Amino acid sequence: MRTISLKLPEDMMQLAGQFAESLHVSRAEYIRSAIERMNHEIRASLRAQRLAEASKKVREESMRVNAEFAAIEEDPDV
């Protein structure tokens, strides 16, 4: 495991220490968990953005296919 040095405002350090203590984990583990949670949130956000972009790319084709299905539903003899 690698080590980093981090400068945090005193109030943030105190809160991190208090919350870590209330969770019965070390302050380092608390900060590590916070980074993991943020990484997870960012990964999910980036995935949602990529999905939205892909959806925009195929939207026109999807609308054309939907129109074809609607036409078939309205006139099953087609």
Protein backbone atom coordinates (compact mmCIF):
# COMPACT_ATOMS: atom_id res chain seq x y z
CA MET A 1 0.00 0.00 0.00
CA ARG A 2 1.30 3.44 -0.89
CA THR A 3 1.35 6.43 1.43
CA ILE A 4 0.23 9.99 0.76
CA SER A 5 0.53 13.12 2.81
CA LEU A 6 -2.48 15.37 2.96
CA LYS A 7 -3.12 18.78 4.41
CA LEU A 8 -6.63 19.27 5.73
CA PRO A 9 -8.24 22.15 7.60
CA GLU A 10 -8.31 21.58 11.34
CA ASP A 11 -12.10 21.38 11.52
CA MET A 12 -12.17 18.73 8.80
CA MET A 13 -9.55 16.68 10.64
CA GLN A 14 -11.53 16.92 13.87
CA LEU A 15 -14.76 15.82 12.19
CA ALA A 16 -12.99 12.97 10.42
CA GLY A 17 -11.56 11.86 13.75
CA GLN A 18 -14.94 12.06 15.49
CA PHE A 19 -16.76 10.19 12.74
CA ALA A 20 -14.04 7.55 12.51
CA GLU A 21 -14.22 7.03 16.26
CA SER A 22 -18.01 6.71 16.13
CA LEU A 23 -17.62 4.03 13.43
CA HIS A 24 -14.85 2.27 15.40
CA VAL A 25 -12.32 2.63 12.58
CA SER A 26 -9.07 4.51 12.33
CA ARG A 27 -9.02 7.97 10.83
CA ALA A 28 -6.94 6.59 7.96
CA GLU A 29 -9.56 3.89 7.27
CA TYR A 30 -12.31 6.52 7.42
CA ILE A 31 -10.51 8.71 4.86
CA ARG A 32 -9.74 5.66 2.70
CA SER A 33 -13.45 4.75 2.74
CA ALA A 34 -14.40 8.30 1.79
CA ILE A 35 -12.06 8.15 -1.22
CA GLU A 36 -13.47 4.75 -2.22
CA ARG A 37 -17.02 6.11 -2.00
CA MET A 38 -16.12 9.15 -4.09
CA ASN A 39 -14.40 6.94 -6.69
CA HIS A 40 -17.54 4.80 -6.88
CA GLU A 41 -19.77 7.88 -7.33
CA ILE A 42 -17.54 9.36 -10.03
CA ARG A 43 -17.34 6.01 -11.85
CA ALA A 44 -21.16 5.75 -11.81
CA SER A 45 -21.52 9.33 -13.01
CA LEU A 46 -19.09 8.78 -15.89
CA ARG A 47 -20.92 5.57 -16.82
CA ALA A 48 -24.24 7.45 -16.88
CA GLN A 49 -22.73 10.15 -19.09
CA ARG A 50 -21.41 7.56 -21.55
CA LEU A 51 -24.81 5.85 -21.62
CA ALA A 52 -26.57 9.18 -22.27
CA GLU A 53 -24.16 9.95 -25.11
CA ALA A 54 -24.69 6.51 -26.64
CA SER A 55 -28.44 6.92 -26.30
CA LYS A 56 -28.31 10.24 -28.16
CA LYS A 57 -26.32 8.60 -30.95
CA VAL A 58 -28.94 5.88 -31.53
CA ARG A 59 -32.03 7.98 -30.81
CA GLU A 60 -32.84 8.69 -34.48
CA GLU A 61 -32.58 5.04 -35.47
CA SER A 62 -34.67 4.01 -32.46
CA MET A 63 -37.41 6.46 -33.43
CA ARG A 64 -37.45 5.05 -36.98
CA VAL A 65 -37.74 1.47 -35.67
CA ASN A 66 -40.47 2.50 -33.22
CA ALA A 67 -42.41 4.11 -36.07
CA GLU A 68 -42.13 0.88 -38.08
CA PHE A 69 -43.45 -1.16 -35.15
CA ALA A 70 -46.29 1.32 -34.63
CA ALA A 71 -47.23 0.98 -38.29
CA ILE A 72 -47.25 -2.81 -37.98
CA GLU A 73 -49.43 -2.65 -34.86
CA GLU A 74 -51.91 -0.38 -36.60
CA ASP A 75 -52.05 -2.52 -39.77
CA PRO A 76 -51.00 -6.11 -39.07
CA ASP A 77 -51.30 -7.02 -42.79
CA VAL A 78 -48.18 -4.96 -43.65
